[in-house]
């Protein structure tokens, strides 16, 4: 059974940093897209960053470019999101997700992702 478990969320002041981790179990995902998404209260879930099966395949939502970095360690079946210069508008529940298409094109729409974690809360105070 596939399971994704996020960690690393918390409360941080504006300008601070957090590093989210997502460990996958149940199968390996070295050939799949992995992504981070977030959902703030009253808003739709949105893509934050995604990484394909090649390291040069990356996507960042415009508001996080230059501040967030996605990375993955296939040996550990883990994807990370380094978040720097955090802003109050980054406050949300952050989810990691993996698609199930092997060696597919990079996608960042939530509808293309099949496996999801339970989410971790990130709160940025002003």
PDB file of N, CA and C in Angstrom:
ATOM      1  N   UNK A   1       0.841  -1.185   0.000  1.00  0.00           N
ATOM      2  CA  UNK A   1       0.000   0.000   0.000  1.00  0.00           C
ATOM      3  C   UNK A   1       0.884   1.244   0.000  1.00  0.00           C
ATOM      4  N   UNK A   2       0.620   2.150  -0.916  1.00  0.00           N
ATOM      5  CA  UNK A   2       1.417   3.368  -1.021  1.00  0.00           C
ATOM      6  C   UNK A   2       1.017   4.342   0.077  1.00  0.00           C
ATOM      7  N   UNK A   3       2.020   4.932   0.698  1.00  0.00           N
ATOM      8  CA  UNK A   3       1.771   5.914   1.735  1.00  0.00           C
ATOM      9  C   UNK A   3       2.783   7.042   1.596  1.00  0.00           C
ATOM     10  N   UNK A   4       2.301   8.269   1.710  1.00  0.00           N
ATOM     11  CA  UNK A   4       3.160   9.456   1.708  1.00  0.00           C
ATOM     12  C   UNK A   4       2.978  10.160   3.039  1.00  0.00           C
ATOM     13  N   UNK A   5       4.088  10.496   3.687  1.00  0.00           N
ATOM     14  CA  UNK A   5       4.032  11.133   4.992  1.00  0.00           C
ATOM     15  C   UNK A   5       4.878  12.402   4.961  1.00  0.00           C
ATOM     16  N   UNK A   6       4.205  13.535   5.161  1.00  0.00           N
ATOM     17  CA  UNK A   6       4.900  14.824   5.194  1.00  0.00           C
ATOM     18  C   UNK A   6       5.325  15.160   6.614  1.00  0.00           C
ATOM     19  N   UNK A   7       6.366  15.959   6.708  1.00  0.00           N
ATOM     20  CA  UNK A   7       6.813  16.480   7.998  1.00  0.00           C
ATOM     21  C   UNK A   7       7.549  17.790   7.755  1.00  0.00           C
ATOM     22  N   UNK A   8       7.779  18.529   8.840  1.00  0.00           N
ATOM     23  CA  UNK A   8       8.557  19.751   8.740  1.00  0.00           C
ATOM     24  C   UNK A   8       7.767  21.041   8.813  1.00  0.00           C
ATOM     25  N   UNK A   9       6.454  20.939   8.841  1.00  0.00           N
ATOM     26  CA  UNK A   9       5.658  22.146   8.951  1.00  0.00           C
ATOM     27  C   UNK A   9       5.751  22.747  10.340  1.00  0.00           C
ATOM     28  N   UNK A  10       5.172  23.933  10.493  1.00  0.00           N
ATOM     29  CA  UNK A  10       5.189  24.584  11.793  1.00  0.00           C
ATOM     30  C   UNK A  10       4.880  26.055  11.688  1.00  0.00           C
ATOM     31  N   UNK A  11       5.150  26.756  12.770  1.00  0.00           N
ATOM     32  CA  UNK A  11       4.918  28.196  12.860  1.00  0.00           C
ATOM     33  C   UNK A  11       6.258  28.911  12.732  1.00  0.00           C
ATOM     34  N   UNK A  12       6.309  29.895  11.841  1.00  0.00           N
ATOM     35  CA  UNK A  12       7.545  30.638  11.614  1.00  0.00           C
ATOM     36  C   UNK A  12       7.204  32.089  11.353  1.00  0.00           C
ATOM     37  N   UNK A  13       8.104  32.972  11.707  1.00  0.00           N
ATOM     38  CA  UNK A  13       7.895  34.382  11.434  1.00  0.00           C
ATOM     39  C   UNK A  13       8.190  34.693   9.975  1.00  0.00           C
ATOM     40  N   UNK A  14       7.589  35.747   9.487  1.00  0.00           N
ATOM     41  CA  UNK A  14       7.847  36.182   8.117  1.00  0.00           C
ATOM     42  C   UNK A  14       9.350  36.394   7.914  1.00  0.00           C
ATOM     43  N   UNK A  15       9.837  35.935   6.788  1.00  0.00           N
ATOM     44  CA  UNK A  15      11.259  35.998   6.494  1.00  0.00           C
ATOM     45  C   UNK A  15      12.013  34.750   6.886  1.00  0.00           C
ATOM     46  N   UNK A  16      11.377  33.884   7.638  1.00  0.00           N
ATOM     47  CA  UNK A  16      12.023  32.666   8.099  1.00  0.00           C
ATOM     48  C   UNK A  16      11.993  31.556   7.062  1.00  0.00           C
ATOM     49  N   UNK A  17      12.476  30.394   7.473  1.00  0.00           N
ATOM     50  CA  UNK A  17      12.598  29.251   6.575  1.00  0.00           C
ATOM     51  C   UNK A  17      12.047  27.990   7.213  1.00  0.00           C
ATOM     52  N   UNK A  18      11.585  27.099   6.373  1.00  0.00           N
ATOM     53  CA  UNK A  18      11.175  25.759   6.780  1.00  0.00           C
ATOM     54  C   UNK A  18      11.577  24.799   5.678  1.00  0.00           C
ATOM     55  N   UNK A  19      11.809  23.552   6.062  1.00  0.00           N
ATOM     56  CA  UNK A  19      12.088  22.506   5.082  1.00  0.00           C
ATOM     57  C   UNK A  19      11.097  21.377   5.281  1.00  0.00           C
ATOM     58  N   UNK A  20      10.275  21.162   4.283  1.00  0.00           N
ATOM     59  CA  UNK A  20       9.305  20.080   4.322  1.00  0.00           C
ATOM     60  C   UNK A  20       9.919  18.822   3.714  1.00  0.00           C
ATOM     61  N   UNK A  21       9.551  17.684   4.280  1.00  0.00           N
ATOM     62  CA  UNK A  21       9.984  16.396   3.756  1.00  0.00           C
ATOM     63  C   UNK A  21       8.755  15.528   3.518  1.00  0.00           C
ATOM     64  N   UNK A  22       8.863  14.663   2.547  1.00  0.00           N
ATOM     65  CA  UNK A  22       7.781  13.724   2.249  1.00  0.00           C
ATOM     66  C   UNK A  22       8.409  12.383   1.913  1.00  0.00           C
ATOM     67  N   UNK A  23       8.143  11.413   2.765  1.00  0.00           N
ATOM     68  CA  UNK A  23       8.690  10.067   2.567  1.00  0.00           C
ATOM     69  C   UNK A  23       7.603   9.170   1.995  1.00  0.00           C
ATOM     70  N   UNK A  24       7.939   8.510   0.903  1.00  0.00           N
ATOM     71  CA  UNK A  24       7.004   7.603   0.262  1.00  0.00           C
ATOM     72  C   UNK A  24       7.359   6.164   0.606  1.00  0.00           C
ATOM     73  N   UNK A  25       6.354   5.359   0.765  1.00  0.00           N
ATOM     74  CA  UNK A  25       6.562   3.941   1.021  1.00  0.00           C
ATOM     75  C   UNK A  25       5.562   3.140   0.224  1.00  0.00           C
ATOM     76  N   UNK A  26       5.857   1.875   0.056  1.00  0.00           N
ATOM     77  CA  UNK A  26       4.949   1.002  -0.686  1.00  0.00           C
ATOM     78  C   UNK A  26       5.405   0.701  -2.101  1.00  0.00           C
ATOM     79  N   UNK A  27       6.171   1.598  -2.679  1.00  0.00           N
ATOM     80  CA  UNK A  27       6.779   1.383  -3.988  1.00  0.00           C
ATOM     81  C   UNK A  27       7.800   2.495  -4.213  1.00  0.00           C
ATOM     82  N   UNK A  28       8.622   2.339  -5.187  1.00  0.00           N
ATOM     83  CA  UNK A  28       9.589   3.385  -5.506  1.00  0.00           C
ATOM     84  C   UNK A  28       9.000   4.319  -6.556  1.00  0.00           C
ATOM     85  N   UNK A  29       9.442   5.582  -6.516  1.00  0.00           N
ATOM     86  CA  UNK A  29       8.882   6.590  -7.402  1.00  0.00           C
ATOM     87  C   UNK A  29       9.963   7.313  -8.202  1.00  0.00           C
ATOM     88  N   UNK A  30      11.076   6.679  -8.440  1.00  0.00           N
ATOM     89  CA  UNK A  30      12.170   7.344  -9.133  1.00  0.00           C
ATOM     90  C   UNK A  30      11.806   7.705 -10.566  1.00  0.00           C
ATOM     91  N   UNK A  31      10.798   7.083 -11.145  1.00  0.00           N
ATOM     92  CA  UNK A  31      10.406   7.364 -12.519  1.00  0.00           C
ATOM     93  C   UNK A  31       9.135   8.201 -12.610  1.00  0.00           C
ATOM     94  N   UNK A  32       8.731   8.787 -11.497  1.00  0.00           N
ATOM     95  CA  UNK A  32       7.467   9.520 -11.451  1.00  0.00           C
ATOM     96  C   UNK A  32       7.652  10.979 -11.062  1.00  0.00           C
ATOM     97  N   UNK A  33       6.685  11.802 -11.476  1.00  0.00           N
ATOM     98  CA  UNK A  33       6.664  13.183 -11.025  1.00  0.00           C
ATOM     99  C   UNK A  33       6.262  13.235  -9.553  1.00  0.00           C
ATOM    100  N   UNK A  34       6.915  14.121  -8.812  1.00  0.00           N
ATOM    101  CA  UNK A  34       6.566  14.355  -7.416  1.00  0.00           C
ATOM    102  C   UNK A  34       6.328  15.847  -7.239  1.00  0.00           C
ATOM    103  N   UNK A  35       5.324  16.199  -6.449  1.00  0.00           N
ATOM    104  CA  UNK A  35       4.988  17.605  -6.337  1.00  0.00           C
ATOM    105  C   UNK A  35       4.568  18.004  -4.945  1.00  0.00           C
ATOM    106  N   UNK A  36       4.608  19.305  -4.738  1.00  0.00           N
ATOM    107  CA  UNK A  36       4.096  19.908  -3.506  1.00  0.00           C
ATOM    108  C   UNK A  36       2.937  20.836  -3.870  1.00  0.00           C
ATOM    109  N   UNK A  37       1.898  20.752  -3.067  1.00  0.00           N
ATOM    110  CA  UNK A  37       0.703  21.551  -3.266  1.00  0.00           C
ATOM    111  C   UNK A  37       0.343  22.187  -1.938  1.00  0.00           C
ATOM    112  N   UNK A  38      -0.503  23.204  -1.970  1.00  0.00           N
ATOM    113  CA  UNK A  38      -0.951  23.816  -0.733  1.00  0.00           C
ATOM    114  C   UNK A  38      -2.398  24.247  -0.867  1.00  0.00           C
ATOM    115  N   UNK A  39      -3.044  24.305   0.281  1.00  0.00           N
ATOM    116  CA  UNK A  39      -4.441  24.736   0.308  1.00  0.00           C
ATOM    117  C   UNK A  39      -4.651  25.604   1.540  1.00  0.00           C
ATOM    118  N   UNK A  40      -5.016  26.848   1.279  1.00  0.00           N
ATOM    119  CA  UNK A  40      -5.341  27.775   2.352  1.00  0.00           C
ATOM    120  C   UNK A  40      -6.841  27.727   2.608  1.00  0.00           C
ATOM    121  N   UNK A  41      -7.284  28.124   3.797  1.00  0.00           N
ATOM    122  CA  UNK A  41      -8.718  28.093   4.105  1.00  0.00           C
ATOM    123  C   UNK A  41      -9.530  28.875   3.077  1.00  0.00           C
ATOM    124  N   UNK A  42     -10.581  28.252   2.562  1.00  0.00           N
ATOM    125  CA  UNK A  42     -11.455  28.908   1.612  1.00  0.00           C
ATOM    126  C   UNK A  42     -10.926  28.995   0.202  1.00  0.00           C
ATOM    127  N   UNK A  43      -9.772  28.406  -0.043  1.00  0.00           N
ATOM    128  CA  UNK A  43      -9.177  28.462  -1.370  1.00  0.00           C
ATOM    129  C   UNK A  43      -9.008  27.060  -1.938  1.00  0.00           C
ATOM    130  N   UNK A  44      -8.860  26.999  -3.262  1.00  0.00           N
ATOM    131  CA  UNK A  44      -8.618  25.729  -3.913  1.00  0.00           C
ATOM    132  C   UNK A  44      -7.173  25.286  -3.707  1.00  0.00           C
ATOM    133  N   UNK A  45      -6.970  23.984  -3.815  1.00  0.00           N
ATOM    134  CA  UNK A  45      -5.614  23.465  -3.726  1.00  0.00           C
ATOM    135  C   UNK A  45      -4.829  23.925  -4.958  1.00  0.00           C
ATOM    136  N   UNK A  46      -3.616  24.399  -4.730  1.00  0.00           N
ATOM    137  CA  UNK A  46      -2.805  24.890  -5.829  1.00  0.00           C
ATOM    138  C   UNK A  46      -1.430  24.234  -5.819  1.00  0.00           C
ATOM    139  N   UNK A  47      -0.855  24.176  -7.005  1.00  0.00           N
ATOM    140  CA  UNK A  47       0.477  23.630  -7.120  1.00  0.00           C
ATOM    141  C   UNK A  47       1.501  24.648  -6.625  1.00  0.00           C
ATOM    142  N   UNK A  48       2.506  24.171  -5.928  1.00  0.00           N
ATOM    143  CA  UNK A  48       3.586  25.018  -5.456  1.00  0.00           C
ATOM    144  C   UNK A  48       4.857  24.734  -6.257  1.00  0.00           C
ATOM    145  N   UNK A  49       5.218  23.461  -6.356  1.00  0.00           N
ATOM    146  CA  UNK A  49       6.423  23.062  -7.073  1.00  0.00           C
ATOM    147  C   UNK A  49       6.299  21.598  -7.467  1.00  0.00           C
ATOM    148  N   UNK A  50       6.966  21.243  -8.535  1.00  0.00           N
ATOM    149  CA  UNK A  50       6.958  19.859  -8.983  1.00  0.00           C
ATOM    150  C   UNK A  50       8.310  19.510  -9.571  1.00  0.00           C
ATOM    151  N   UNK A  51       8.659  18.250  -9.454  1.00  0.00           N
ATOM    152  CA  UNK A  51       9.912  17.767 -10.014  1.00  0.00           C
ATOM    153  C   UNK A  51       9.651  16.472 -10.756  1.00  0.00           C
ATOM    154  N   UNK A  52      10.200  16.381 -11.951  1.00  0.00           N
ATOM    155  CA  UNK A  52      10.022  15.188 -12.752  1.00  0.00           C
ATOM    156  C   UNK A  52      11.044  14.126 -12.414  1.00  0.00           C
ATOM    157  N   UNK A  53      11.039  13.089 -13.229  1.00  0.00           N
ATOM    158  CA  UNK A  53      11.947  11.974 -12.989  1.00  0.00           C
ATOM    159  C   UNK A  53      13.384  12.325 -13.348  1.00  0.00           C
ATOM    160  N   UNK A  54      13.580  13.423 -14.062  1.00  0.00           N
ATOM    161  CA  UNK A  54      14.917  13.974 -14.294  1.00  0.00           C
ATOM    162  C   UNK A  54      15.047  15.249 -13.469  1.00  0.00           C
ATOM    163  N   UNK A  55      16.240  15.500 -12.964  1.00  0.00           N
ATOM    164  CA  UNK A  55      16.450  16.653 -12.094  1.00  0.00           C
ATOM    165  C   UNK A  55      16.227  17.985 -12.809  1.00  0.00           C
ATOM    166  N   UNK A  56      16.333  18.006 -14.133  1.00  0.00           N
ATOM    167  CA  UNK A  56      16.152  19.271 -14.847  1.00  0.00           C
ATOM    168  C   UNK A  56      14.686  19.556 -15.136  1.00  0.00           C
ATOM    169  N   UNK A  57      13.820  18.671 -14.723  1.00  0.00           N
ATOM    170  CA  UNK A  57      12.388  18.874 -14.922  1.00  0.00           C
ATOM    171  C   UNK A  57      11.813  19.434 -13.631  1.00  0.00           C
ATOM    172  N   UNK A  58      11.652  20.757 -13.575  1.00  0.00           N
ATOM    173  CA  UNK A  58      11.092  21.388 -12.387  1.00  0.00           C
ATOM    174  C   UNK A  58      10.062  22.437 -12.772  1.00  0.00           C
ATOM    175  N   UNK A  59       9.147  22.666 -11.861  1.00  0.00           N
ATOM    176  CA  UNK A  59       8.126  23.691 -12.023  1.00  0.00           C
ATOM    177  C   UNK A  59       7.982  24.411 -10.697  1.00  0.00           C
ATOM    178  N   UNK A  60       7.811  25.717 -10.760  1.00  0.00           N
ATOM    179  CA  UNK A  60       7.516  26.520  -9.574  1.00  0.00           C
ATOM    180  C   UNK A  60       6.378  27.480  -9.891  1.00  0.00           C
ATOM    181  N   UNK A  61       5.468  27.565  -8.978  1.00  0.00           N
ATOM    182  CA  UNK A  61       4.415  28.571  -9.080  1.00  0.00           C
ATOM    183  C   UNK A  61       5.075  29.943  -8.982  1.00  0.00           C
ATOM    184  N   UNK A  62       4.551  30.913  -9.710  1.00  0.00           N
ATOM    185  CA  UNK A  62       5.219  32.215  -9.824  1.00  0.00           C
ATOM    186  C   UNK A  62       5.520  32.855  -8.463  1.00  0.00           C
ATOM    187  N   UNK A  63       4.608  32.737  -7.528  1.00  0.00           N
ATOM    188  CA  UNK A  63       4.785  33.448  -6.257  1.00  0.00           C
ATOM    189  C   UNK A  63       5.891  32.862  -5.380  1.00  0.00           C
ATOM    190  N   UNK A  64       6.377  31.660  -5.709  1.00  0.00           N
ATOM    191  CA  UNK A  64       7.417  31.039  -4.883  1.00  0.00           C
ATOM    192  C   UNK A  64       8.760  30.966  -5.590  1.00  0.00           C
ATOM    193  N   UNK A  65       8.798  31.368  -6.848  1.00  0.00           N
ATOM    194  CA  UNK A  65      10.065  31.319  -7.587  1.00  0.00           C
ATOM    195  C   UNK A  65      11.129  32.157  -6.882  1.00  0.00           C
ATOM    196  N   UNK A  66      12.311  31.581  -6.760  1.00  0.00           N
ATOM    197  CA  UNK A  66      13.402  32.273  -6.083  1.00  0.00           C
ATOM    198  C   UNK A  66      13.387  32.129  -4.574  1.00  0.00           C
ATOM    199  N   UNK A  67      12.293  31.614  -4.031  1.00  0.00           N
ATOM    200  CA  UNK A  67      12.197  31.432  -2.571  1.00  0.00           C
ATOM    201  C   UNK A  67      12.130  29.961  -2.177  1.00  0.00           C
ATOM    202  N   UNK A  68      11.459  29.150  -2.971  1.00  0.00           N
ATOM    203  CA  UNK A  68      11.285  27.732  -2.672  1.00  0.00           C
ATOM    204  C   UNK A  68      12.139  26.892  -3.619  1.00  0.00           C
ATOM    205  N   UNK A  69      12.608  25.760  -3.112  1.00  0.00           N
ATOM    206  CA  UNK A  69      13.372  24.824  -3.924  1.00  0.00           C
ATOM    207  C   UNK A  69      12.875  23.404  -3.661  1.00  0.00           C
ATOM    208  N   UNK A  70      12.518  22.723  -4.727  1.00  0.00           N
ATOM    209  CA  UNK A  70      12.114  21.328  -4.611  1.00  0.00           C
ATOM    210  C   UNK A  70      13.310  20.443  -4.962  1.00  0.00           C
ATOM    211  N   UNK A  71      13.431  19.341  -4.247  1.00  0.00           N
ATOM    212  CA  UNK A  71      14.493  18.388  -4.533  1.00  0.00           C
ATOM    213  C   UNK A  71      13.999  16.995  -4.158  1.00  0.00           C
ATOM    214  N   UNK A  72      14.710  15.992  -4.628  1.00  0.00           N
ATOM    215  CA  UNK A  72      14.310  14.630  -4.313  1.00  0.00           C
ATOM    216  C   UNK A  72      15.537  13.765  -4.112  1.00  0.00           C
ATOM    217  N   UNK A  73      15.379  12.754  -3.288  1.00  0.00           N
ATOM    218  CA  UNK A  73      16.417  11.755  -3.056  1.00  0.00           C
ATOM    219  C   UNK A  73      15.782  10.411  -3.354  1.00  0.00           C
ATOM    220  N   UNK A  74      16.047   9.899  -4.548  1.00  0.00           N
ATOM    221  CA  UNK A  74      15.394   8.659  -4.962  1.00  0.00           C
ATOM    222  C   UNK A  74      15.822   7.474  -4.100  1.00  0.00           C
ATOM    223  N   UNK A  75      17.044   7.519  -3.599  1.00  0.00           N
ATOM    224  CA  UNK A  75      17.500   6.413  -2.748  1.00  0.00           C
ATOM    225  C   UNK A  75      16.677   6.330  -1.463  1.00  0.00           C
ATOM    226  N   UNK A  76      16.179   7.481  -1.026  1.00  0.00           N
ATOM    227  CA  UNK A  76      15.365   7.522   0.195  1.00  0.00           C
ATOM    228  C   UNK A  76      13.881   7.624  -0.119  1.00  0.00           C
ATOM    229  N   UNK A  77      13.541   7.648  -1.418  1.00  0.00           N
ATOM    230  CA  UNK A  77      12.132   7.774  -1.817  1.00  0.00           C
ATOM    231  C   UNK A  77      11.488   8.992  -1.161  1.00  0.00           C
ATOM    232  N   UNK A  78      12.218  10.095  -1.176  1.00  0.00           N
ATOM    233  CA  UNK A  78      11.820  11.288  -0.443  1.00  0.00           C
ATOM    234  C   UNK A  78      11.896  12.514  -1.339  1.00  0.00           C
ATOM    235  N   UNK A  79      10.939  13.407  -1.160  1.00  0.00           N
ATOM    236  CA  UNK A  79      10.958  14.693  -1.845  1.00  0.00           C
ATOM    237  C   UNK A  79      10.942  15.785  -0.779  1.00  0.00           C
ATOM    238  N   UNK A  80      11.662  16.861  -1.055  1.00  0.00           N
ATOM    239  CA  UNK A  80      11.801  17.957  -0.107  1.00  0.00           C
ATOM    240  C   UNK A  80      11.294  19.258  -0.715  1.00  0.00           C
ATOM    241  N   UNK A  81      10.924  20.181   0.166  1.00  0.00           N
ATOM    242  CA  UNK A  81      10.609  21.539  -0.254  1.00  0.00           C
ATOM    243  C   UNK A  81      11.286  22.486   0.726  1.00  0.00           C
ATOM    244  N   UNK A  82      12.336  23.140   0.264  1.00  0.00           N
ATOM    245  CA  UNK A  82      13.010  24.152   1.071  1.00  0.00           C
ATOM    246  C   UNK A  82      12.305  25.477   0.831  1.00  0.00           C
ATOM    247  N   UNK A  83      11.814  26.074   1.894  1.00  0.00           N
ATOM    248  CA  UNK A  83      11.055  27.313   1.789  1.00  0.00           C
ATOM    249  C   UNK A  83      11.788  28.415   2.538  1.00  0.00           C
ATOM    250  N   UNK A  84      12.238  29.406   1.807  1.00  0.00           N
ATOM    251  CA  UNK A  84      12.939  30.543   2.388  1.00  0.00           C
ATOM    252  C   UNK A  84      12.130  31.813   2.202  1.00  0.00           C
ATOM    253  N   UNK A  85      12.495  32.845   2.958  1.00  0.00           N
ATOM    254  CA  UNK A  85      11.820  34.151   2.849  1.00  0.00           C
ATOM    255  C   UNK A  85      10.307  33.994   2.895  1.00  0.00           C
ATOM    256  N   UNK A  86       9.845  33.242   3.852  1.00  0.00           N
ATOM    257  CA  UNK A  86       8.417  32.941   3.940  1.00  0.00           C
ATOM    258  C   UNK A  86       7.600  34.200   4.206  1.00  0.00           C
ATOM    259  N   UNK A  87       6.407  34.198   3.637  1.00  0.00           N
ATOM    260  CA  UNK A  87       5.483  35.320   3.759  1.00  0.00           C
ATOM    261  C   UNK A  87       4.186  34.838   4.401  1.00  0.00           C
ATOM    262  N   UNK A  88       3.435  35.731   5.026  1.00  0.00           N
ATOM    263  CA  UNK A  88       2.151  35.311   5.607  1.00  0.00           C
ATOM    264  C   UNK A  88       1.238  34.647   4.585  1.00  0.00           C
ATOM    265  N   UNK A  89       1.308  35.070   3.345  1.00  0.00           N
ATOM    266  CA  UNK A  89       0.447  34.464   2.314  1.00  0.00           C
ATOM    267  C   UNK A  89       0.860  33.046   1.933  1.00  0.00           C
ATOM    268  N   UNK A  90       1.978  32.574   2.466  1.00  0.00           N
ATOM    269  CA  UNK A  90       2.372  31.178   2.263  1.00  0.00           C
ATOM    270  C   UNK A  90       1.669  30.242   3.252  1.00  0.00           C
ATOM    271  N   UNK A  91       0.961  30.821   4.198  1.00  0.00           N
ATOM    272  CA  UNK A  91       0.256  30.013   5.196  1.00  0.00           C
ATOM    273  C   UNK A  91      -0.769  29.108   4.528  1.00  0.00           C
ATOM    274  N   UNK A  92      -0.680  27.822   4.805  1.00  0.00           N
ATOM    275  CA  UNK A  92      -1.570  26.827   4.192  1.00  0.00           C
ATOM    276  C   UNK A  92      -1.216  25.448   4.723  1.00  0.00           C
ATOM    277  N   UNK A  93      -2.041  24.489   4.387  1.00  0.00           N
ATOM    278  CA  UNK A  93      -1.670  23.085   4.560  1.00  0.00           C
ATOM    279  C   UNK A  93      -0.936  22.654   3.291  1.00  0.00           C
ATOM    280  N   UNK A  94       0.225  22.098   3.474  1.00  0.00           N
ATOM    281  CA  UNK A  94       1.055  21.668   2.351  1.00  0.00           C
ATOM    282  C   UNK A  94       0.977  20.151   2.204  1.00  0.00           C
ATOM    283  N   UNK A  95       0.761  19.736   0.957  1.00  0.00           N
ATOM    284  CA  UNK A  95       0.628  18.316   0.650  1.00  0.00           C
ATOM    285  C   UNK A  95       1.695  17.909  -0.372  1.00  0.00           C
ATOM    286  N   UNK A  96       2.215  16.718  -0.211  1.00  0.00           N
ATOM    287  CA  UNK A  96       3.032  16.162  -1.285  1.00  0.00           C
ATOM    288  C   UNK A  96       2.191  15.134  -2.035  1.00  0.00           C
ATOM    289  N   UNK A  97       2.569  14.931  -3.277  1.00  0.00           N
ATOM    290  CA  UNK A  97       1.826  13.997  -4.120  1.00  0.00           C
ATOM    291  C   UNK A  97       2.742  13.427  -5.185  1.00  0.00           C
ATOM    292  N   UNK A  98       2.357  12.268  -5.678  1.00  0.00           N
ATOM    293  CA  UNK A  98       3.119  11.576  -6.712  1.00  0.00           C
ATOM    294  C   UNK A  98       2.158  11.086  -7.785  1.00  0.00           C
ATOM    295  N   UNK A  99       2.589  11.198  -9.035  1.00  0.00           N
ATOM    296  CA  UNK A  99       1.732  10.632 -10.078  1.00  0.00           C
ATOM    297  C   UNK A  99       2.136   9.175 -10.319  1.00  0.00           C
ATOM    298  N   UNK A 100       1.390   8.469 -11.148  1.00  0.00           N
ATOM    299  CA  UNK A 100       1.683   7.047 -11.353  1.00  0.00           C
ATOM    300  C   UNK A 100       2.052   6.719 -12.784  1.00  0.00           C
ATOM    301  N   UNK A 101       2.398   7.777 -13.552  1.00  0.00           N
ATOM    302  CA  UNK A 101       2.837   7.549 -14.925  1.00  0.00           C
ATOM    303  C   UNK A 101       4.352   7.520 -14.938  1.00  0.00           C
ATOM    304  N   UNK A 102       4.915   6.431 -15.403  1.00  0.00           N
ATOM    305  CA  UNK A 102       6.362   6.298 -15.451  1.00  0.00           C
ATOM    306  C   UNK A 102       6.936   7.110 -16.613  1.00  0.00           C
ATOM    307  N   UNK A 103       7.973   7.903 -16.304  1.00  0.00           N
ATOM    308  CA  UNK A 103       8.702   8.688 -17.304  1.00  0.00           C
ATOM    309  C   UNK A 103       7.767   9.579 -18.131  1.00  0.00           C
ATOM    310  N   UNK A 104       6.797  10.166 -17.475  1.00  0.00           N
ATOM    311  CA  UNK A 104       5.864  11.050 -18.155  1.00  0.00           C
ATOM    312  C   UNK A 104       6.372  12.475 -18.199  1.00  0.00           C
ATOM    313  N   UNK A 105       5.663  13.318 -18.947  1.00  0.00           N
ATOM    314  CA  UNK A 105       5.974  14.739 -18.984  1.00  0.00           C
ATOM    315  C   UNK A 105       5.695  15.348 -17.611  1.00  0.00           C
ATOM    316  N   UNK A 106       6.411  16.408 -17.285  1.00  0.00           N
ATOM    317  CA  UNK A 106       6.206  17.050 -15.991  1.00  0.00           C
ATOM    318  C   UNK A 106       4.824  17.695 -15.940  1.00  0.00           C
ATOM    319  N   UNK A 107       4.089  17.403 -14.910  1.00  0.00           N
ATOM    320  CA  UNK A 107       2.774  18.002 -14.736  1.00  0.00           C
ATOM    321  C   UNK A 107       2.722  18.660 -13.372  1.00  0.00           C
ATOM    322  N   UNK A 108       1.881  19.661 -13.236  1.00  0.00           N
ATOM    323  CA  UNK A 108       1.746  20.305 -11.934  1.00  0.00           C
ATOM    324  C   UNK A 108       0.299  20.511 -11.522  1.00  0.00           C
ATOM    325  N   UNK A 109      -0.614  20.082 -12.333  1.00  0.00           N
ATOM    326  CA  UNK A 109      -2.017  20.190 -11.951  1.00  0.00           C
ATOM    327  C   UNK A 109      -2.356  19.082 -10.970  1.00  0.00           C
ATOM    328  N   UNK A 110      -3.061  19.410  -9.883  1.00  0.00           N
ATOM    329  CA  UNK A 110      -3.388  18.373  -8.891  1.00  0.00           C
ATOM    330  C   UNK A 110      -4.128  17.179  -9.487  1.00  0.00           C
ATOM    331  N   UNK A 111      -4.886  17.395 -10.555  1.00  0.00           N
ATOM    332  CA  UNK A 111      -5.713  16.306 -11.085  1.00  0.00           C
ATOM    333  C   UNK A 111      -4.892  15.190 -11.721  1.00  0.00           C
ATOM    334  N   UNK A 112      -3.607  15.470 -11.979  1.00  0.00           N
ATOM    335  CA  UNK A 112      -2.773  14.438 -12.582  1.00  0.00           C
ATOM    336  C   UNK A 112      -2.021  13.620 -11.535  1.00  0.00           C
ATOM    337  N   UNK A 113      -2.185  13.957 -10.268  1.00  0.00           N
ATOM    338  CA  UNK A 113      -1.456  13.264  -9.212  1.00  0.00           C
ATOM    339  C   UNK A 113      -2.386  12.283  -8.510  1.00  0.00           C
ATOM    340  N   UNK A 114      -1.836  11.112  -8.255  1.00  0.00           N
ATOM    341  CA  UNK A 114      -2.689  10.015  -7.784  1.00  0.00           C
ATOM    342  C   UNK A 114      -2.522   9.735  -6.291  1.00  0.00           C
ATOM    343  N   UNK A 115      -1.288   9.782  -5.802  1.00  0.00           N
ATOM    344  CA  UNK A 115      -1.029   9.460  -4.400  1.00  0.00           C
ATOM    345  C   UNK A 115      -0.786  10.765  -3.637  1.00  0.00           C
ATOM    346  N   UNK A 116      -1.411  10.863  -2.462  1.00  0.00           N
ATOM    347  CA  UNK A 116      -1.344  12.102  -1.686  1.00  0.00           C
ATOM    348  C   UNK A 116      -0.998  11.806  -0.230  1.00  0.00           C
ATOM    349  N   UNK A 117      -0.255  12.746   0.379  1.00  0.00           N
ATOM    350  CA  UNK A 117      -0.018  12.675   1.806  1.00  0.00           C
ATOM    351  C   UNK A 117      -1.161  13.314   2.571  1.00  0.00           C
ATOM    352  N   UNK A 118      -1.042  13.302   3.894  1.00  0.00           N
ATOM    353  CA  UNK A 118      -2.116  13.816   4.739  1.00  0.00           C
ATOM    354  C   UNK A 118      -2.004  15.321   4.975  1.00  0.00           C
ATOM    355  N   UNK A 119      -0.857  15.899   4.627  1.00  0.00           N
ATOM    356  CA  UNK A 119      -0.681  17.340   4.752  1.00  0.00           C
ATOM    357  C   UNK A 119       0.037  17.740   6.024  1.00  0.00           C
ATOM    358  N   UNK A 120       0.726  18.869   5.944  1.00  0.00           N
ATOM    359  CA  UNK A 120       1.392  19.441   7.104  1.00  0.00           C
ATOM    360  C   UNK A 120       1.131  20.945   7.107  1.00  0.00           C
ATOM    361  N   UNK A 121       0.791  21.472   8.272  1.00  0.00           N
ATOM    362  CA  UNK A 121       0.414  22.878   8.374  1.00  0.00           C
ATOM    363  C   UNK A 121       1.659  23.769   8.411  1.00  0.00           C
ATOM    364  N   UNK A 122       1.633  24.801   7.599  1.00  0.00           N
ATOM    365  CA  UNK A 122       2.654  25.847   7.622  1.00  0.00           C
ATOM    366  C   UNK A 122       1.962  27.159   7.938  1.00  0.00           C
ATOM    367  N   UNK A 123       2.397  27.811   9.003  1.00  0.00           N
ATOM    368  CA  UNK A 123       1.810  29.082   9.398  1.00  0.00           C
ATOM    369  C   UNK A 123       2.926  30.116   9.498  1.00  0.00           C
ATOM    370  N   UNK A 124       2.755  31.208   8.767  1.00  0.00           N
ATOM    371  CA  UNK A 124       3.756  32.274   8.752  1.00  0.00           C
ATOM    372  C   UNK A 124       3.139  33.510   9.389  1.00  0.00           C
ATOM    373  N   UNK A 125       3.708  33.949  10.474  1.00  0.00           N
ATOM    374  CA  UNK A 125       3.180  35.120  11.181  1.00  0.00           C
ATOM    375  C   UNK A 125       3.874  36.383  10.687  1.00  0.00           C
ATOM    376  N   UNK A 126       3.124  37.476  10.714  1.00  0.00           N
ATOM    377  CA  UNK A 126       3.669  38.757  10.232  1.00  0.00           C
ATOM    378  C   UNK A 126       4.383  39.503  11.331  1.00  0.00           C
TER     379      UNK A 126
END
